[in-house]
Each structure stands twice: as structure tokens, then as C-alpha cells.
Amino acid sequence: MRVREKPIDTRHFWHRRSLLGENISNGNWIVAAIFLLSGAGALQQGWIITAIALGIAGLLSIVWNEGVAKTTTIIGSWIVAGAASAWLLGMATNAMFGSTAGGHAIGLVVAIVGVFLTID
């Protein structure tokens, strides 16, 4: 009886399959963890809608369909970029003008424009 040798996966860690599924790569889990942690940070800051969007993006980036995972990753990245710019610009406008609303509005515009550009 011949012993079967399991082939060694020589792909990069990012592209290797996960232990939970043949079609789920490690990259999906890493991106999902980043989105879920960003959503937790947004929830802690009181940004409920951003936290919900990041939570949904994190959960969808785990799915078995690679196309959905990639699209969710792109859209979630724009939401993270918008939230980060809203936070930074909110601090800047608060220091300059005493109000965070302008910075939050610009960050919201960044996220919305990025998602629309991705969809088109």
C-alpha cells in the first residue's frame, strides 16, 4: 500500500485556503477582522450607522463567493477611509473653528463618492 503525501501549499499566506473552507482564503478572514474591529471602534465613538455598515462589510467579506468578498472589501475600504477622514477632519475643524460638523460632512462625502465610483 502506497502512502499518499499531501501536497504542500506554496502560495503566499494571504492566498492560502482557510481551515474553514476550500474557497475561503486567509485574506478574507484578515479583511473581515479589520472591518469588524473598525466597526467596533466606530461604535465606541458613537457612529452607529458607520458601525453597522462596517459590521455588514466584515461579515460579507467572509463569504465563499470570491466576487462578493472582493466587492465588499472595496466598498468597506471606502467606508473606512470616509470614517477615518471624518474623524481626522472633525478634530481639525474642531481645533480651528470649534465645530466638528464640517469635518464629518467632508468624511461622509469621501465615503459616498468612493462607493459610487466603485459601483459605477
PDB file of N, CA and C in Angstrom:
ATOM      1  N   MET A   1       0.834  -1.169   0.000  1.00  0.00           N
ATOM      2  CA  MET A   1       0.000   0.000   0.000  1.00  0.00           C
ATOM      3  C   MET A   1       0.886   1.242   0.000  1.00  0.00           C
ATOM      4  N   ARG A   2       0.572   2.116  -0.877  1.00  0.00           N
ATOM      5  CA  ARG A   2       1.365   3.331  -1.049  1.00  0.00           C
ATOM      6  C   ARG A   2       0.832   4.454  -0.164  1.00  0.00           C
ATOM      7  N   VAL A   3       1.730   5.150   0.481  1.00  0.00           N
ATOM      8  CA  VAL A   3       1.350   6.257   1.355  1.00  0.00           C
ATOM      9  C   VAL A   3       1.153   7.502   0.499  1.00  0.00           C
ATOM     10  N   ARG A   4      -0.007   8.141   0.685  1.00  0.00           N
ATOM     11  CA  ARG A   4      -0.269   9.384  -0.050  1.00  0.00           C
ATOM     12  C   ARG A   4       0.360  10.559   0.680  1.00  0.00           C
ATOM     13  N   GLU A   5       1.023  11.365  -0.070  1.00  0.00           N
ATOM     14  CA  GLU A   5       1.607  12.572   0.512  1.00  0.00           C
ATOM     15  C   GLU A   5       0.719  13.754   0.180  1.00  0.00           C
ATOM     16  N   LYS A   6       0.446  14.520   1.194  1.00  0.00           N
ATOM     17  CA  LYS A   6      -0.370  15.718   0.995  1.00  0.00           C
ATOM     18  C   LYS A   6       0.499  16.796   0.365  1.00  0.00           C
ATOM     19  N   PRO A   7       0.043  17.404  -0.746  1.00  0.00           N
ATOM     20  CA  PRO A   7       0.871  18.437  -1.377  1.00  0.00           C
ATOM     21  C   PRO A   7       1.004  19.665  -0.463  1.00  0.00           C
ATOM     22  N   ILE A   8       2.152  20.256  -0.509  1.00  0.00           N
ATOM     23  CA  ILE A   8       2.429  21.440   0.302  1.00  0.00           C
ATOM     24  C   ILE A   8       1.949  22.675  -0.462  1.00  0.00           C
ATOM     25  N   ASP A   9       1.185  23.503   0.222  1.00  0.00           N
ATOM     26  CA  ASP A   9       0.671  24.733  -0.394  1.00  0.00           C
ATOM     27  C   ASP A   9       1.779  25.782  -0.377  1.00  0.00           C
ATOM     28  N   THR A  10       2.274  26.136  -1.537  1.00  0.00           N
ATOM     29  CA  THR A  10       3.392  27.083  -1.623  1.00  0.00           C
ATOM     30  C   THR A  10       2.944  28.506  -1.904  1.00  0.00           C
ATOM     31  N   ARG A  11       1.633  28.734  -1.926  1.00  0.00           N
ATOM     32  CA  ARG A  11       1.155  30.097  -2.156  1.00  0.00           C
ATOM     33  C   ARG A  11       1.436  30.978  -0.944  1.00  0.00           C
ATOM     34  N   HIS A  12       1.370  32.289  -1.122  1.00  0.00           N
ATOM     35  CA  HIS A  12       1.540  33.218  -0.017  1.00  0.00           C
ATOM     36  C   HIS A  12       0.421  33.001   0.999  1.00  0.00           C
ATOM     37  N   PHE A  13       0.683  33.361   2.240  1.00  0.00           N
ATOM     38  CA  PHE A  13      -0.289  33.171   3.314  1.00  0.00           C
ATOM     39  C   PHE A  13      -1.624  33.831   2.982  1.00  0.00           C
ATOM     40  N   TRP A  14      -1.571  34.982   2.349  1.00  0.00           N
ATOM     41  CA  TRP A  14      -2.768  35.752   2.032  1.00  0.00           C
ATOM     42  C   TRP A  14      -3.707  34.956   1.119  1.00  0.00           C
ATOM     43  N   HIS A  15      -3.156  34.162   0.198  1.00  0.00           N
ATOM     44  CA  HIS A  15      -3.959  33.442  -0.790  1.00  0.00           C
ATOM     45  C   HIS A  15      -4.236  31.991  -0.415  1.00  0.00           C
ATOM     46  N   ARG A  16      -3.660  31.488   0.646  1.00  0.00           N
ATOM     47  CA  ARG A  16      -3.901  30.104   1.041  1.00  0.00           C
ATOM     48  C   ARG A  16      -5.335  29.923   1.500  1.00  0.00           C
ATOM     49  N   ARG A  17      -5.808  28.703   1.338  1.00  0.00           N
ATOM     50  CA  ARG A  17      -7.175  28.429   1.778  1.00  0.00           C
ATOM     51  C   ARG A  17      -7.224  28.377   3.296  1.00  0.00           C
ATOM     52  N   SER A  18      -8.378  28.732   3.823  1.00  0.00           N
ATOM     53  CA  SER A  18      -8.549  28.745   5.266  1.00  0.00           C
ATOM     54  C   SER A  18      -8.878  27.342   5.765  1.00  0.00           C
ATOM     55  N   LEU A  19      -8.769  27.142   7.048  1.00  0.00           N
ATOM     56  CA  LEU A  19      -9.130  25.855   7.635  1.00  0.00           C
ATOM     57  C   LEU A  19     -10.633  25.614   7.598  1.00  0.00           C
ATOM     58  N   LEU A  20     -11.426  26.658   7.444  1.00  0.00           N
ATOM     59  CA  LEU A  20     -12.879  26.505   7.471  1.00  0.00           C
ATOM     60  C   LEU A  20     -13.504  26.260   6.109  1.00  0.00           C
ATOM     61  N   GLY A  21     -12.759  26.383   5.029  1.00  0.00           N
ATOM     62  CA  GLY A  21     -13.358  26.141   3.730  1.00  0.00           C
ATOM     63  C   GLY A  21     -12.340  26.161   2.621  1.00  0.00           C
ATOM     64  N   GLU A  22     -12.615  25.388   1.600  1.00  0.00           N
ATOM     65  CA  GLU A  22     -11.716  25.287   0.458  1.00  0.00           C
ATOM     66  C   GLU A  22     -11.608  26.608  -0.297  1.00  0.00           C
ATOM     67  N   ASN A  23     -12.728  27.332  -0.401  1.00  0.00           N
ATOM     68  CA  ASN A  23     -12.760  28.543  -1.221  1.00  0.00           C
ATOM     69  C   ASN A  23     -12.587  29.819  -0.418  1.00  0.00           C
ATOM     70  N   ILE A  24     -12.418  29.710   0.902  1.00  0.00           N
ATOM     71  CA  ILE A  24     -12.218  30.899   1.733  1.00  0.00           C
ATOM     72  C   ILE A  24     -10.723  31.058   1.964  1.00  0.00           C
ATOM     73  N   SER A  25     -10.175  32.162   1.519  1.00  0.00           N
ATOM     74  CA  SER A  25      -8.742  32.369   1.707  1.00  0.00           C
ATOM     75  C   SER A  25      -8.483  33.050   3.046  1.00  0.00           C
ATOM     76  N   ASN A  26      -7.239  33.013   3.483  1.00  0.00           N
ATOM     77  CA  ASN A  26      -6.866  33.703   4.722  1.00  0.00           C
ATOM     78  C   ASN A  26      -7.051  35.206   4.592  1.00  0.00           C
ATOM     79  N   GLY A  27      -6.912  35.715   3.361  1.00  0.00           N
ATOM     80  CA  GLY A  27      -7.116  37.147   3.150  1.00  0.00           C
ATOM     81  C   GLY A  27      -8.518  37.590   3.509  1.00  0.00           C
ATOM     82  N   ASN A  28      -9.516  36.728   3.252  1.00  0.00           N
ATOM     83  CA  ASN A  28     -10.891  37.070   3.604  1.00  0.00           C
ATOM     84  C   ASN A  28     -11.041  37.264   5.107  1.00  0.00           C
ATOM     85  N   TRP A  29     -10.413  36.391   5.893  1.00  0.00           N
ATOM     86  CA  TRP A  29     -10.522  36.488   7.341  1.00  0.00           C
ATOM     87  C   TRP A  29      -9.785  37.706   7.871  1.00  0.00           C
ATOM     88  N   ILE A  30      -8.657  38.030   7.281  1.00  0.00           N
ATOM     89  CA  ILE A  30      -7.898  39.199   7.727  1.00  0.00           C
ATOM     90  C   ILE A  30      -8.679  40.483   7.464  1.00  0.00           C
ATOM     91  N   VAL A  31      -9.236  40.606   6.253  1.00  0.00           N
ATOM     92  CA  VAL A  31     -10.030  41.787   5.906  1.00  0.00           C
ATOM     93  C   VAL A  31     -11.272  41.873   6.786  1.00  0.00           C
ATOM     94  N   ALA A  32     -11.925  40.739   7.022  1.00  0.00           N
ATOM     95  CA  ALA A  32     -13.112  40.725   7.873  1.00  0.00           C
ATOM     96  C   ALA A  32     -12.780  41.187   9.286  1.00  0.00           C
ATOM     97  N   ALA A  33     -11.656  40.739   9.813  1.00  0.00           N
ATOM     98  CA  ALA A  33     -11.258  41.155  11.160  1.00  0.00           C
ATOM     99  C   ALA A  33     -10.988  42.654  11.222  1.00  0.00           C
ATOM    100  N   ILE A  34     -10.359  43.200  10.189  1.00  0.00           N
ATOM    101  CA  ILE A  34     -10.091  44.641  10.155  1.00  0.00           C
ATOM    102  C   ILE A  34     -11.393  45.431  10.132  1.00  0.00           C
ATOM    103  N   PHE A  35     -12.345  44.993   9.281  1.00  0.00           N
ATOM    104  CA  PHE A  35     -13.626  45.695   9.206  1.00  0.00           C
ATOM    105  C   PHE A  35     -14.395  45.605  10.520  1.00  0.00           C
ATOM    106  N   LEU A  36     -14.414  44.429  11.131  1.00  0.00           N
ATOM    107  CA  LEU A  36     -15.159  44.275  12.375  1.00  0.00           C
ATOM    108  C   LEU A  36     -14.527  45.078  13.505  1.00  0.00           C
ATOM    109  N   LEU A  37     -13.205  45.135  13.554  1.00  0.00           N
ATOM    110  CA  LEU A  37     -12.545  45.963  14.569  1.00  0.00           C
ATOM    111  C   LEU A  37     -12.770  47.451  14.310  1.00  0.00           C
ATOM    112  N   SER A  38     -12.766  47.849  13.046  1.00  0.00           N
ATOM    113  CA  SER A  38     -13.067  49.246  12.711  1.00  0.00           C
ATOM    114  C   SER A  38     -14.507  49.586  13.078  1.00  0.00           C
ATOM    115  N   GLY A  39     -15.407  48.641  12.850  1.00  0.00           N
ATOM    116  CA  GLY A  39     -16.807  48.843  13.237  1.00  0.00           C
ATOM    117  C   GLY A  39     -16.960  48.973  14.743  1.00  0.00           C
ATOM    118  N   ALA A  40     -16.190  48.180  15.490  1.00  0.00           N
ATOM    119  CA  ALA A  40     -16.237  48.295  16.948  1.00  0.00           C
ATOM    120  C   ALA A  40     -15.720  49.658  17.401  1.00  0.00           C
ATOM    121  N   GLY A  41     -14.672  50.148  16.746  1.00  0.00           N
ATOM    122  CA  GLY A  41     -14.166  51.486  17.068  1.00  0.00           C
ATOM    123  C   GLY A  41     -15.179  52.569  16.738  1.00  0.00           C
ATOM    124  N   ALA A  42     -15.854  52.419  15.605  1.00  0.00           N
ATOM    125  CA  ALA A  42     -16.887  53.396  15.232  1.00  0.00           C
ATOM    126  C   ALA A  42     -18.049  53.358  16.216  1.00  0.00           C
ATOM    127  N   LEU A  43     -18.421  52.167  16.661  1.00  0.00           N
ATOM    128  CA  LEU A  43     -19.500  52.049  17.638  1.00  0.00           C
ATOM    129  C   LEU A  43     -19.106  52.689  18.964  1.00  0.00           C
ATOM    130  N   GLN A  44     -17.846  52.518  19.353  1.00  0.00           N
ATOM    131  CA  GLN A  44     -17.365  53.128  20.591  1.00  0.00           C
ATOM    132  C   GLN A  44     -17.391  54.649  20.499  1.00  0.00           C
ATOM    133  N   GLN A  45     -17.150  55.188  19.293  1.00  0.00           N
ATOM    134  CA  GLN A  45     -17.188  56.632  19.096  1.00  0.00           C
ATOM    135  C   GLN A  45     -18.621  57.170  18.997  1.00  0.00           C
ATOM    136  N   GLY A  46     -19.588  56.246  18.856  1.00  0.00           N
ATOM    137  CA  GLY A  46     -20.982  56.666  18.754  1.00  0.00           C
ATOM    138  C   GLY A  46     -21.469  56.809  17.326  1.00  0.00           C
ATOM    139  N   TRP A  47     -20.712  56.342  16.356  1.00  0.00           N
ATOM    140  CA  TRP A  47     -21.109  56.417  14.951  1.00  0.00           C
ATOM    141  C   TRP A  47     -21.839  55.128  14.599  1.00  0.00           C
ATOM    142  N   ILE A  48     -23.112  55.097  14.901  1.00  0.00           N
ATOM    143  CA  ILE A  48     -23.902  53.869  14.807  1.00  0.00           C
ATOM    144  C   ILE A  48     -24.031  53.400  13.356  1.00  0.00           C
ATOM    145  N   ILE A  49     -24.358  54.282  12.442  1.00  0.00           N
ATOM    146  CA  ILE A  49     -24.566  53.892  11.038  1.00  0.00           C
ATOM    147  C   ILE A  49     -23.268  53.395  10.419  1.00  0.00           C
ATOM    148  N   THR A  50     -22.168  54.054  10.709  1.00  0.00           N
ATOM    149  CA  THR A  50     -20.871  53.595  10.205  1.00  0.00           C
ATOM    150  C   THR A  50     -20.519  52.237  10.797  1.00  0.00           C
ATOM    151  N   ALA A  51     -20.810  52.043  12.071  1.00  0.00           N
ATOM    152  CA  ALA A  51     -20.528  50.758  12.716  1.00  0.00           C
ATOM    153  C   ALA A  51     -21.352  49.641  12.088  1.00  0.00           C
ATOM    154  N   ILE A  52     -22.607  49.907  11.783  1.00  0.00           N
ATOM    155  CA  ILE A  52     -23.453  48.903  11.139  1.00  0.00           C
ATOM    156  C   ILE A  52     -22.914  48.567   9.749  1.00  0.00           C
ATOM    157  N   ALA A  53     -22.545  49.600   8.972  1.00  0.00           N
ATOM    158  CA  ALA A  53     -22.014  49.365   7.627  1.00  0.00           C
ATOM    159  C   ALA A  53     -20.721  48.560   7.673  1.00  0.00           C
ATOM    160  N   LEU A  54     -19.839  48.883   8.597  1.00  0.00           N
ATOM    161  CA  LEU A  54     -18.582  48.137   8.721  1.00  0.00           C
ATOM    162  C   LEU A  54     -18.816  46.709   9.223  1.00  0.00           C
ATOM    163  N   GLY A  55     -19.782  46.533  10.079  1.00  0.00           N
ATOM    164  CA  GLY A  55     -20.119  45.186  10.537  1.00  0.00           C
ATOM    165  C   GLY A  55     -20.652  44.323   9.405  1.00  0.00           C
ATOM    166  N   ILE A  56     -21.520  44.888   8.587  1.00  0.00           N
ATOM    167  CA  ILE A  56     -22.042  44.152   7.427  1.00  0.00           C
ATOM    168  C   ILE A  56     -20.922  43.858   6.437  1.00  0.00           C
ATOM    169  N   ALA A  57     -20.058  44.836   6.184  1.00  0.00           N
ATOM    170  CA  ALA A  57     -18.932  44.610   5.272  1.00  0.00           C
ATOM    171  C   ALA A  57     -18.004  43.528   5.812  1.00  0.00           C
ATOM    172  N   GLY A  58     -17.781  43.513   7.110  1.00  0.00           N
ATOM    173  CA  GLY A  58     -16.934  42.485   7.715  1.00  0.00           C
ATOM    174  C   GLY A  58     -17.532  41.105   7.591  1.00  0.00           C
ATOM    175  N   LEU A  59     -18.840  40.998   7.799  1.00  0.00           N
ATOM    176  CA  LEU A  59     -19.482  39.693   7.693  1.00  0.00           C
ATOM    177  C   LEU A  59     -19.567  39.225   6.246  1.00  0.00           C
ATOM    178  N   LEU A  60     -19.795  40.142   5.316  1.00  0.00           N
ATOM    179  CA  LEU A  60     -19.879  39.748   3.906  1.00  0.00           C
ATOM    180  C   LEU A  60     -18.519  39.410   3.303  1.00  0.00           C
ATOM    181  N   SER A  61     -17.448  39.925   3.872  1.00  0.00           N
ATOM    182  CA  SER A  61     -16.129  39.641   3.302  1.00  0.00           C
ATOM    183  C   SER A  61     -15.651  38.232   3.644  1.00  0.00           C
ATOM    184  N   ILE A  62     -16.411  37.497   4.458  1.00  0.00           N
ATOM    185  CA  ILE A  62     -16.052  36.124   4.801  1.00  0.00           C
ATOM    186  C   ILE A  62     -16.680  35.124   3.825  1.00  0.00           C
ATOM    187  N   VAL A  63     -17.652  35.545   3.042  1.00  0.00           N
ATOM    188  CA  VAL A  63     -18.461  34.608   2.254  1.00  0.00           C
ATOM    189  C   VAL A  63     -17.623  33.785   1.285  1.00  0.00           C
ATOM    190  N   TRP A  64     -18.208  32.691   0.846  1.00  0.00           N
ATOM    191  CA  TRP A  64     -17.500  31.749  -0.022  1.00  0.00           C
ATOM    192  C   TRP A  64     -17.333  32.288  -1.442  1.00  0.00           C
ATOM    193  N   ASN A  65     -18.221  33.136  -1.884  1.00  0.00           N
ATOM    194  CA  ASN A  65     -18.139  33.683  -3.239  1.00  0.00           C
ATOM    195  C   ASN A  65     -17.060  34.765  -3.276  1.00  0.00           C
ATOM    196  N   GLU A  66     -16.023  34.533  -4.048  1.00  0.00           N
ATOM    197  CA  GLU A  66     -14.880  35.453  -4.080  1.00  0.00           C
ATOM    198  C   GLU A  66     -15.258  36.820  -4.644  1.00  0.00           C
ATOM    199  N   GLY A  67     -16.193  36.861  -5.603  1.00  0.00           N
ATOM    200  CA  GLY A  67     -16.620  38.140  -6.179  1.00  0.00           C
ATOM    201  C   GLY A  67     -17.289  39.036  -5.151  1.00  0.00           C
ATOM    202  N   VAL A  68     -18.162  38.464  -4.339  1.00  0.00           N
ATOM    203  CA  VAL A  68     -18.837  39.238  -3.288  1.00  0.00           C
ATOM    204  C   VAL A  68     -17.826  39.712  -2.266  1.00  0.00           C
ATOM    205  N   ALA A  69     -16.884  38.850  -1.922  1.00  0.00           N
ATOM    206  CA  ALA A  69     -15.870  39.220  -0.931  1.00  0.00           C
ATOM    207  C   ALA A  69     -15.014  40.381  -1.433  1.00  0.00           C
ATOM    208  N   LYS A  70     -14.617  40.347  -2.716  1.00  0.00           N
ATOM    209  CA  LYS A  70     -13.788  41.433  -3.257  1.00  0.00           C
ATOM    210  C   LYS A  70     -14.566  42.734  -3.333  1.00  0.00           C
ATOM    211  N   THR A  71     -15.815  42.676  -3.785  1.00  0.00           N
ATOM    212  CA  THR A  71     -16.631  43.891  -3.869  1.00  0.00           C
ATOM    213  C   THR A  71     -16.868  44.481  -2.488  1.00  0.00           C
ATOM    214  N   THR A  72     -17.170  43.642  -1.523  1.00  0.00           N
ATOM    215  CA  THR A  72     -17.386  44.110  -0.160  1.00  0.00           C
ATOM    216  C   THR A  72     -16.117  44.715   0.416  1.00  0.00           C
ATOM    217  N   THR A  73     -14.980  44.140   0.075  1.00  0.00           N
ATOM    218  CA  THR A  73     -13.707  44.677   0.555  1.00  0.00           C
ATOM    219  C   THR A  73     -13.481  46.083   0.020  1.00  0.00           C
ATOM    220  N   ILE A  74     -13.764  46.288  -1.252  1.00  0.00           N
ATOM    221  CA  ILE A  74     -13.567  47.616  -1.855  1.00  0.00           C
ATOM    222  C   ILE A  74     -14.522  48.632  -1.234  1.00  0.00           C
ATOM    223  N   ILE A  75     -15.803  48.276  -1.141  1.00  0.00           N
ATOM    224  CA  ILE A  75     -16.786  49.207  -0.585  1.00  0.00           C
ATOM    225  C   ILE A  75     -16.498  49.462   0.897  1.00  0.00           C
ATOM    226  N   GLY A  76     -16.157  48.415   1.637  1.00  0.00           N
ATOM    227  CA  GLY A  76     -15.816  48.591   3.053  1.00  0.00           C
ATOM    228  C   GLY A  76     -14.588  49.461   3.244  1.00  0.00           C
ATOM    229  N   SER A  77     -13.630  49.347   2.324  1.00  0.00           N
ATOM    230  CA  SER A  77     -12.429  50.197   2.407  1.00  0.00           C
ATOM    231  C   SER A  77     -12.783  51.660   2.223  1.00  0.00           C
ATOM    232  N   TRP A  78     -13.711  51.948   1.321  1.00  0.00           N
ATOM    233  CA  TRP A  78     -14.150  53.336   1.158  1.00  0.00           C
ATOM    234  C   TRP A  78     -14.863  53.840   2.409  1.00  0.00           C
ATOM    235  N   ILE A  79     -15.650  52.974   3.041  1.00  0.00           N
ATOM    236  CA  ILE A  79     -16.329  53.387   4.271  1.00  0.00           C
ATOM    237  C   ILE A  79     -15.315  53.657   5.376  1.00  0.00           C
ATOM    238  N   VAL A  80     -14.296  52.803   5.484  1.00  0.00           N
ATOM    239  CA  VAL A  80     -13.241  53.033   6.477  1.00  0.00           C
ATOM    240  C   VAL A  80     -12.496  54.326   6.179  1.00  0.00           C
ATOM    241  N   ALA A  81     -12.186  54.565   4.892  1.00  0.00           N
ATOM    242  CA  ALA A  81     -11.495  55.806   4.519  1.00  0.00           C
ATOM    243  C   ALA A  81     -12.348  57.022   4.854  1.00  0.00           C
ATOM    244  N   GLY A  82     -13.647  56.943   4.599  1.00  0.00           N
ATOM    245  CA  GLY A  82     -14.546  58.049   4.930  1.00  0.00           C
ATOM    246  C   GLY A  82     -14.643  58.282   6.424  1.00  0.00           C
ATOM    247  N   ALA A  83     -14.742  57.197   7.197  1.00  0.00           N
ATOM    248  CA  ALA A  83     -14.827  57.332   8.654  1.00  0.00           C
ATOM    249  C   ALA A  83     -13.531  57.890   9.233  1.00  0.00           C
ATOM    250  N   ALA A  84     -12.391  57.413   8.708  1.00  0.00           N
ATOM    251  CA  ALA A  84     -11.103  57.918   9.202  1.00  0.00           C
ATOM    252  C   ALA A  84     -10.923  59.394   8.860  1.00  0.00           C
ATOM    253  N   SER A  85     -11.291  59.761   7.629  1.00  0.00           N
ATOM    254  CA  SER A  85     -11.150  61.176   7.266  1.00  0.00           C
ATOM    255  C   SER A  85     -12.144  62.040   8.032  1.00  0.00           C
ATOM    256  N   ALA A  86     -13.338  61.519   8.309  1.00  0.00           N
ATOM    257  CA  ALA A  86     -14.301  62.284   9.114  1.00  0.00           C
ATOM    258  C   ALA A  86     -13.773  62.502  10.521  1.00  0.00           C
ATOM    259  N   TRP A  87     -13.150  61.477  11.082  1.00  0.00           N
ATOM    260  CA  TRP A  87     -12.601  61.602  12.429  1.00  0.00           C
ATOM    261  C   TRP A  87     -11.457  62.610  12.458  1.00  0.00           C
ATOM    262  N   LEU A  88     -10.520  62.474  11.506  1.00  0.00           N
ATOM    263  CA  LEU A  88      -9.372  63.395  11.473  1.00  0.00           C
ATOM    264  C   LEU A  88      -9.793  64.823  11.133  1.00  0.00           C
ATOM    265  N   LEU A  89     -10.637  64.972  10.125  1.00  0.00           N
ATOM    266  CA  LEU A  89     -11.084  66.313   9.753  1.00  0.00           C
ATOM    267  C   LEU A  89     -11.995  66.908  10.823  1.00  0.00           C
ATOM    268  N   GLY A  90     -12.744  66.059  11.527  1.00  0.00           N
ATOM    269  CA  GLY A  90     -13.562  66.554  12.645  1.00  0.00           C
ATOM    270  C   GLY A  90     -12.695  67.140  13.746  1.00  0.00           C
ATOM    271  N   MET A  91     -11.578  66.468  14.051  1.00  0.00           N
ATOM    272  CA  MET A  91     -10.658  67.015  15.049  1.00  0.00           C
ATOM    273  C   MET A  91     -10.030  68.317  14.554  1.00  0.00           C
ATOM    274  N   ALA A  92      -9.672  68.353  13.265  1.00  0.00           N
ATOM    275  CA  ALA A  92      -9.044  69.563  12.719  1.00  0.00           C
ATOM    276  C   ALA A  92     -10.011  70.742  12.723  1.00  0.00           C
ATOM    277  N   THR A  93     -11.255  70.512  12.269  1.00  0.00           N
ATOM    278  CA  THR A  93     -12.218  71.621  12.246  1.00  0.00           C
ATOM    279  C   THR A  93     -12.645  72.022  13.659  1.00  0.00           C
ATOM    280  N   ASN A  94     -12.618  71.075  14.593  1.00  0.00           N
ATOM    281  CA  ASN A  94     -12.919  71.427  15.974  1.00  0.00           C
ATOM    282  C   ASN A  94     -11.836  72.333  16.539  1.00  0.00           C
ATOM    283  N   ALA A  95     -10.572  72.044  16.201  1.00  0.00           N
ATOM    284  CA  ALA A  95      -9.474  72.882  16.685  1.00  0.00           C
ATOM    285  C   ALA A  95      -9.489  74.251  16.021  1.00  0.00           C
ATOM    286  N   MET A  96      -9.857  74.277  14.728  1.00  0.00           N
ATOM    287  CA  MET A  96      -9.820  75.557  14.008  1.00  0.00           C
ATOM    288  C   MET A  96     -11.068  76.395  14.227  1.00  0.00           C
ATOM    289  N   PHE A  97     -12.236  75.758  14.170  1.00  0.00           N
ATOM    290  CA  PHE A  97     -13.487  76.523  14.172  1.00  0.00           C
ATOM    291  C   PHE A  97     -14.390  76.239  15.365  1.00  0.00           C
ATOM    292  N   GLY A  98     -14.055  75.235  16.179  1.00  0.00           N
ATOM    293  CA  GLY A  98     -14.876  74.917  17.333  1.00  0.00           C
ATOM    294  C   GLY A  98     -16.075  74.028  17.012  1.00  0.00           C
ATOM    295  N   SER A  99     -16.129  73.466  15.818  1.00  0.00           N
ATOM    296  CA  SER A  99     -17.231  72.600  15.434  1.00  0.00           C
ATOM    297  C   SER A  99     -16.699  71.441  14.603  1.00  0.00           C
ATOM    298  N   THR A 100     -17.208  70.255  14.851  1.00  0.00           N
ATOM    299  CA  THR A 100     -16.745  69.084  14.109  1.00  0.00           C
ATOM    300  C   THR A 100     -17.610  68.765  12.894  1.00  0.00           C
ATOM    301  N   ALA A 101     -18.706  69.481  12.713  1.00  0.00           N
ATOM    302  CA  ALA A 101     -19.670  69.140  11.660  1.00  0.00           C
ATOM    303  C   ALA A 101     -19.065  69.230  10.263  1.00  0.00           C
ATOM    304  N   GLY A 102     -18.236  70.213  10.000  1.00  0.00           N
ATOM    305  CA  GLY A 102     -17.631  70.350   8.670  1.00  0.00           C
ATOM    306  C   GLY A 102     -16.746  69.172   8.306  1.00  0.00           C
ATOM    307  N   GLY A 103     -15.917  68.744   9.241  1.00  0.00           N
ATOM    308  CA  GLY A 103     -15.047  67.597   9.000  1.00  0.00           C
ATOM    309  C   GLY A 103     -15.830  66.313   8.814  1.00  0.00           C
ATOM    310  N   HIS A 104     -16.895  66.147   9.602  1.00  0.00           N
ATOM    311  CA  HIS A 104     -17.723  64.950   9.454  1.00  0.00           C
ATOM    312  C   HIS A 104     -18.424  64.940   8.108  1.00  0.00           C
ATOM    313  N   ALA A 105     -18.865  66.085   7.645  1.00  0.00           N
ATOM    314  CA  ALA A 105     -19.529  66.165   6.339  1.00  0.00           C
ATOM    315  C   ALA A 105     -18.561  65.819   5.207  1.00  0.00           C
ATOM    316  N   ILE A 106     -17.336  66.318   5.285  1.00  0.00           N
ATOM    317  CA  ILE A 106     -16.343  66.012   4.244  1.00  0.00           C
ATOM    318  C   ILE A 106     -16.004  64.520   4.252  1.00  0.00           C
ATOM    319  N   GLY A 107     -15.877  63.915   5.417  1.00  0.00           N
ATOM    320  CA  GLY A 107     -15.632  62.485   5.507  1.00  0.00           C
ATOM    321  C   GLY A 107     -16.775  61.665   4.944  1.00  0.00           C
ATOM    322  N   LEU A 108     -17.990  62.110   5.175  1.00  0.00           N
ATOM    323  CA  LEU A 108     -19.157  61.438   4.606  1.00  0.00           C
ATOM    324  C   LEU A 108     -19.151  61.527   3.089  1.00  0.00           C
ATOM    325  N   VAL A 109     -18.771  62.681   2.560  1.00  0.00           N
ATOM    326  CA  VAL A 109     -18.679  62.849   1.107  1.00  0.00           C
ATOM    327  C   VAL A 109     -17.617  61.919   0.523  1.00  0.00           C
ATOM    328  N   VAL A 110     -16.478  61.773   1.206  1.00  0.00           N
ATOM    329  CA  VAL A 110     -15.418  60.872   0.736  1.00  0.00           C
ATOM    330  C   VAL A 110     -15.946  59.447   0.627  1.00  0.00           C
ATOM    331  N   ALA A 111     -16.654  58.985   1.647  1.00  0.00           N
ATOM    332  CA  ALA A 111     -17.177  57.618   1.640  1.00  0.00           C
ATOM    333  C   ALA A 111     -18.232  57.422   0.554  1.00  0.00           C
ATOM    334  N   ILE A 112     -19.147  58.370   0.420  1.00  0.00           N
ATOM    335  CA  ILE A 112     -20.226  58.233  -0.564  1.00  0.00           C
ATOM    336  C   ILE A 112     -19.681  58.276  -1.982  1.00  0.00           C
ATOM    337  N   VAL A 113     -18.789  59.215  -2.259  1.00  0.00           N
ATOM    338  CA  VAL A 113     -18.210  59.314  -3.605  1.00  0.00           C
ATOM    339  C   VAL A 113     -17.400  58.060  -3.936  1.00  0.00           C
ATOM    340  N   GLY A 114     -16.636  57.547  -2.996  1.00  0.00           N
ATOM    341  CA  GLY A 114     -15.859  56.332  -3.225  1.00  0.00           C
ATOM    342  C   GLY A 114     -16.740  55.129  -3.525  1.00  0.00           C
ATOM    343  N   VAL A 115     -17.850  54.987  -2.787  1.00  0.00           N
ATOM    344  CA  VAL A 115     -18.758  53.864  -3.041  1.00  0.00           C
ATOM    345  C   VAL A 115     -19.412  54.020  -4.398  1.00  0.00           C
ATOM    346  N   PHE A 116     -19.835  55.237  -4.754  1.00  0.00           N
ATOM    347  CA  PHE A 116     -20.451  55.440  -6.074  1.00  0.00           C
ATOM    348  C   PHE A 116     -19.475  55.183  -7.200  1.00  0.00           C
ATOM    349  N   LEU A 117     -18.225  55.610  -7.032  1.00  0.00           N
ATOM    350  CA  LEU A 117     -17.231  55.337  -8.069  1.00  0.00           C
ATOM    351  C   LEU A 117     -16.959  53.839  -8.218  1.00  0.00           C
ATOM    352  N   THR A 118     -17.010  53.120  -7.116  1.00  0.00           N
ATOM    353  CA  THR A 118     -16.825  51.671  -7.159  1.00  0.00           C
ATOM    354  C   THR A 118     -17.993  50.990  -7.868  1.00  0.00           C
ATOM    355  N   ILE A 119     -19.196  51.416  -7.573  1.00  0.00           N
ATOM    356  CA  ILE A 119     -20.381  50.793  -8.166  1.00  0.00           C
ATOM    357  C   ILE A 119     -20.443  51.073  -9.658  1.00  0.00           C
ATOM    358  N   ASP A 120     -20.095  52.293 -10.064  1.00  0.00           N
ATOM    359  CA  ASP A 120     -20.114  52.627 -11.499  1.00  0.00           C
ATOM    360  C   ASP A 120     -18.951  51.959 -12.153  1.00  0.00           C
TER     361      ASP A 120
END
